[in-house]
Amino acid sequence: MIGKIVVIGLGGIGSFLALVLCRYLNFTQHCKKVILVDGDRYGRENFVRQNISALEETKNKAEAQAVYLKSLFNTLTIVPIPEFVTEKNVVEVIGEKSVVFLAVDNHATRKIVSERCQRLQDVVLVSGGNEISDGNIQVYIKKNGRSRNPPIERFHPEIAQPRDKNPAELSCEELARLSGSEQIIFTNLTAACLMLNAFYTIVAEKPVRYAEVYFDIERNKALPRQR
């Protein structure tokens, strides 16, 4: 049984993932509570690859998406948290029986979320990220205190020992530069789709036979790996 679904990061991946996820949940009984978490704001530079409208410019991403999704899906309880995930608030954001979609662009946050999930007894973490034309998703499942696959940092030292900063530690100017980093919408959509595929497999109570999937849109290729 899923307690709540948490989407962390409402940018290029998360804004599209949240829309499709909520559409699916609105017409199923898997879970009716969705938490949206992001401390950033939308800017005009986001229009090219994120699911927003001109009316949402300068608005907090989590709050803007909550208003939009509530207008479409009336069977769901959608709660925005207009903050970045930090070591201080992660306990409140992620609890037992959570399904977490992690769609952020920094390793510091990935480490915080991964370590929190490892401390729980029952949790699902689906993380995704990408560069310009390629990327990966990772799946971590813990059930009844037993990890079904390795934590997301096990084979990724850049997550285990991040060199970047948590967004909560950055200035507005630094955040703006990150928001304008080069990515394309098609790669974001691929990451979101693969993350949702993993979620469907889990709620369908079928075995997830991989811990990570690498993808490349130029080669139109996705390669699952069992760790």
Protein backbone atom coordinates (compact mmCIF):
# COMPACT_ATOMS: atom_id res chain seq x y z
CA MET A 1 0.00 0.00 0.00
CA ILE A 2 1.34 3.42 -0.98
CA GLY A 3 1.13 6.09 1.71
CA LYS A 4 1.93 9.04 -0.52
CA ILE A 5 3.71 9.88 -3.74
CA VAL A 6 6.41 12.54 -3.63
CA VAL A 7 7.71 14.31 -6.74
CA ILE A 8 10.92 16.20 -5.99
CA GLY A 9 11.88 18.62 -8.75
CA LEU A 10 9.31 20.16 -11.11
CA GLY A 11 11.60 21.19 -13.94
CA GLY A 12 12.29 19.58 -17.30
CA ILE A 13 11.65 16.01 -16.14
CA GLY A 14 9.36 16.57 -13.16
CA SER A 15 6.87 18.95 -14.77
CA PHE A 16 5.95 16.39 -17.44
CA LEU A 17 6.20 13.40 -15.11
CA ALA A 18 3.79 14.99 -12.62
CA LEU A 19 1.18 15.65 -15.30
CA VAL A 20 1.14 12.09 -16.63
CA LEU A 21 1.43 10.58 -13.16
CA CYS A 22 -1.56 12.54 -11.84
CA ARG A 23 -3.63 11.66 -14.89
CA TYR A 24 -2.95 7.98 -14.21
CA LEU A 25 -3.61 8.24 -10.46
CA ASN A 26 -6.83 10.20 -10.99
CA PHE A 27 -8.43 7.16 -12.61
CA THR A 28 -6.89 4.41 -10.47
CA GLN A 29 -6.89 3.56 -6.78
CA HIS A 30 -3.16 3.20 -6.19
CA CYS A 31 -2.73 6.46 -4.29
CA LYS A 32 -4.63 9.73 -4.06
CA LYS A 33 -2.06 11.92 -2.30
CA VAL A 34 0.70 13.62 -4.28
CA ILE A 35 3.32 15.90 -2.75
CA LEU A 36 5.15 18.31 -5.07
CA VAL A 37 8.49 19.64 -3.82
CA ASP A 38 10.61 22.40 -5.35
CA GLY A 39 12.09 25.61 -3.99
CA ASP A 40 12.78 27.16 -7.40
CA ARG A 41 10.70 29.50 -9.53
CA TYR A 42 9.81 29.34 -13.19
CA GLY A 43 11.43 31.85 -15.51
CA ARG A 44 11.12 32.67 -19.18
CA GLU A 45 14.19 30.55 -19.93
CA ASN A 46 12.20 27.48 -18.81
CA PHE A 47 9.53 27.81 -21.50
CA VAL A 48 11.53 25.92 -24.11
CA ARG A 49 11.50 22.58 -22.29
CA GLN A 50 9.30 22.64 -19.19
CA ASN A 51 5.56 22.15 -18.84
CA ILE A 52 4.51 25.68 -17.89
CA SER A 53 2.49 28.59 -19.24
CA ALA A 54 3.21 32.31 -19.39
CA LEU A 55 0.89 32.78 -16.41
CA GLU A 56 3.23 30.71 -14.24
CA GLU A 57 6.36 32.72 -14.95
CA THR A 58 8.10 33.81 -11.72
CA LYS A 59 5.86 31.52 -9.64
CA ASN A 60 7.23 28.81 -7.41
CA LYS A 61 7.34 25.57 -9.39
CA ALA A 62 5.66 23.34 -6.81
CA GLU A 63 2.85 25.82 -6.15
CA ALA A 64 2.26 26.55 -9.85
CA GLN A 65 2.06 22.85 -10.70
CA ALA A 66 -0.26 22.15 -7.76
CA VAL A 67 -2.74 24.80 -8.94
CA TYR A 68 -2.64 23.46 -12.49
CA LEU A 69 -2.95 19.78 -11.58
CA LYS A 70 -5.75 20.39 -9.09
CA SER A 71 -7.74 22.04 -11.88
CA LEU A 72 -7.48 18.86 -13.95
CA PHE A 73 -7.70 16.01 -11.45
CA ASN A 74 -10.31 16.40 -8.76
CA THR A 75 -9.93 12.98 -7.13
CA LEU A 76 -6.40 13.75 -5.94
CA THR A 77 -5.04 15.60 -2.94
CA ILE A 78 -2.09 17.59 -4.28
CA VAL A 79 0.10 19.36 -1.74
CA PRO A 80 2.91 21.75 -2.76
CA ILE A 81 6.03 22.20 -0.66
CA PRO A 82 7.81 25.31 -2.03
CA GLU A 83 11.20 24.35 -0.62
CA PHE A 84 14.33 22.55 -1.70
CA VAL A 85 14.93 19.21 0.01
CA THR A 86 17.56 19.51 2.73
CA GLU A 87 18.85 17.38 5.57
CA LYS A 88 16.53 19.34 7.87
CA ASN A 89 13.23 18.80 6.05
CA VAL A 90 13.76 15.46 4.30
CA VAL A 91 12.27 13.54 7.25
CA GLU A 92 8.99 15.45 6.89
CA VAL A 93 8.97 15.16 3.10
CA ILE A 94 9.65 11.41 2.84
CA GLY A 95 8.02 8.95 5.24
CA GLU A 96 7.26 5.25 5.39
CA LYS A 97 5.46 3.76 2.38
CA SER A 98 6.35 6.70 0.17
CA VAL A 99 6.98 6.41 -3.54
CA VAL A 100 9.53 9.09 -4.41
CA PHE A 101 10.19 10.43 -7.89
CA LEU A 102 13.49 12.28 -7.77
CA ALA A 103 13.87 14.59 -10.77
CA VAL A 104 16.62 16.97 -9.72
CA ASP A 105 19.80 18.11 -11.44
CA ASN A 106 22.25 17.97 -8.54
CA HIS A 107 23.99 15.13 -6.74
CA ALA A 108 23.88 16.74 -3.30
CA THR A 109 20.08 16.40 -3.21
CA ARG A 110 20.24 12.87 -4.61
CA LYS A 111 22.49 11.83 -1.73
CA ILE A 112 20.21 13.37 0.91
CA VAL A 113 17.14 11.63 -0.53
CA SER A 114 18.91 8.30 -0.98
CA GLU A 115 20.21 8.24 2.58
CA ARG A 116 16.75 9.07 3.91
CA CYS A 117 15.17 6.23 1.92
CA GLN A 118 17.75 3.77 3.18
CA ARG A 119 16.75 4.56 6.77
CA LEU A 120 13.10 3.62 6.12
CA GLN A 121 11.52 0.16 6.18
CA ASP A 122 9.22 0.47 3.16
CA VAL A 123 9.95 2.91 0.36
CA VAL A 124 10.37 3.20 -3.39
CA LEU A 125 12.79 5.67 -4.95
CA VAL A 126 12.85 6.31 -8.69
CA SER A 127 15.53 8.81 -9.70
CA GLY A 128 16.15 10.25 -13.15
CA GLY A 129 18.53 12.69 -14.77
CA ASN A 130 19.94 13.58 -18.14
CA GLU A 131 22.46 15.58 -20.12
CA ILE A 132 21.72 16.88 -23.61
CA SER A 133 20.89 13.64 -25.42
CA ASP A 134 21.44 10.86 -22.88
CA GLY A 135 20.79 10.04 -19.25
CA ASN A 136 19.74 7.39 -16.79
CA ILE A 137 17.11 6.39 -14.30
CA GLN A 138 17.65 4.39 -11.11
CA VAL A 139 15.28 2.35 -8.97
CA TYR A 140 15.69 1.58 -5.27
CA ILE A 141 13.08 -0.53 -3.49
CA LYS A 142 13.03 -1.41 0.19
CA LYS A 143 10.32 -3.71 1.53
CA ASN A 144 9.90 -4.89 5.11
CA GLY A 145 13.33 -3.57 5.98
CA ARG A 146 15.07 -5.39 3.14
CA SER A 147 16.67 -3.59 0.20
CA ARG A 148 15.78 -5.24 -3.10
CA ASN A 149 18.56 -3.48 -5.02
CA PRO A 150 21.54 -1.22 -4.29
CA PRO A 151 21.13 2.43 -3.27
CA ILE A 152 21.55 4.86 -6.13
CA GLU A 153 25.02 6.00 -5.03
CA ARG A 154 26.51 2.49 -4.85
CA PHE A 155 27.95 2.60 -8.37
CA HIS A 156 27.99 6.37 -8.72
CA PRO A 157 30.74 8.09 -6.73
CA GLU A 158 29.53 11.47 -8.01
CA ILE A 159 26.42 10.91 -5.85
CA ALA A 160 28.21 9.30 -2.91
CA GLN A 161 30.65 12.22 -2.73
CA PRO A 162 28.93 15.14 -4.48
CA ARG A 163 31.00 18.10 -5.52
CA ASP A 164 28.02 20.34 -6.21
CA LYS A 165 25.92 22.24 -3.68
CA ASN A 166 22.40 21.71 -2.51
CA PRO A 167 20.20 24.34 -4.27
CA ALA A 168 19.16 25.68 -0.87
CA GLU A 169 22.75 26.87 -0.46
CA LEU A 170 22.86 28.75 -3.78
CA SER A 171 22.17 32.40 -4.50
CA CYS A 172 19.37 33.53 -6.84
CA GLU A 173 21.98 34.29 -9.51
CA GLU A 174 23.48 30.80 -9.24
CA LEU A 175 20.04 29.21 -9.44
CA ALA A 176 19.23 31.25 -12.53
CA ARG A 177 22.38 30.00 -14.24
CA LEU A 178 21.45 26.41 -13.47
CA SER A 179 17.92 26.91 -14.83
CA GLY A 180 19.37 28.06 -18.09
CA SER A 181 21.66 25.03 -18.50
CA GLU A 182 21.54 23.35 -21.89
CA GLN A 183 19.06 20.48 -22.16
CA ILE A 184 16.37 19.51 -24.63
CA ILE A 185 12.77 18.61 -24.02
CA PHE A 186 12.93 15.24 -25.81
CA THR A 187 15.58 13.93 -23.42
CA ASN A 188 13.58 15.18 -20.43
CA LEU A 189 10.51 13.39 -21.73
CA THR A 190 12.44 10.15 -22.19
CA ALA A 191 13.67 10.24 -18.60
CA ALA A 192 10.15 10.94 -17.32
CA CYS A 193 8.71 8.10 -19.39
CA LEU A 194 11.27 5.56 -18.17
CA MET A 195 10.66 6.61 -14.57
CA LEU A 196 6.91 6.13 -15.02
CA ASN A 197 7.48 2.76 -16.67
CA ALA A 198 9.27 1.65 -13.50
CA PHE A 199 6.39 2.93 -11.38
CA TYR A 200 3.85 1.02 -13.45
CA THR A 201 5.83 -2.20 -13.06
CA ILE A 202 5.88 -1.72 -9.29
CA VAL A 203 2.16 -0.95 -8.85
CA ALA A 204 1.31 -3.83 -11.20
CA GLU A 205 3.15 -6.00 -8.65
CA LYS A 206 5.57 -7.31 -11.20
CA PRO A 207 9.29 -7.76 -10.51
CA VAL A 208 11.54 -4.87 -11.49
CA ARG A 209 14.38 -6.69 -13.20
CA TYR A 210 16.80 -3.78 -13.28
CA ALA A 211 18.27 -1.22 -10.92
CA GLU A 212 19.29 1.25 -13.59
CA VAL A 213 18.47 2.14 -17.19
CA TYR A 214 20.79 4.11 -19.44
CA PHE A 215 19.28 5.81 -22.48
CA ASP A 216 20.42 7.75 -25.52
CA ILE A 217 17.83 9.49 -27.67
CA GLU A 218 20.17 9.92 -30.63
CA ARG A 219 20.57 6.16 -30.81
CA ASN A 220 16.96 5.63 -29.71
CA LYS A 221 18.30 3.14 -27.21
CA ALA A 222 17.56 2.20 -23.59
CA LEU A 223 19.78 -0.30 -21.79
CA PRO A 224 18.61 -1.78 -18.46
CA ARG A 225 21.20 -3.02 -15.97
CA GLN A 226 20.69 -5.36 -13.05
CA ARG A 227 23.09 -4.45 -10.27
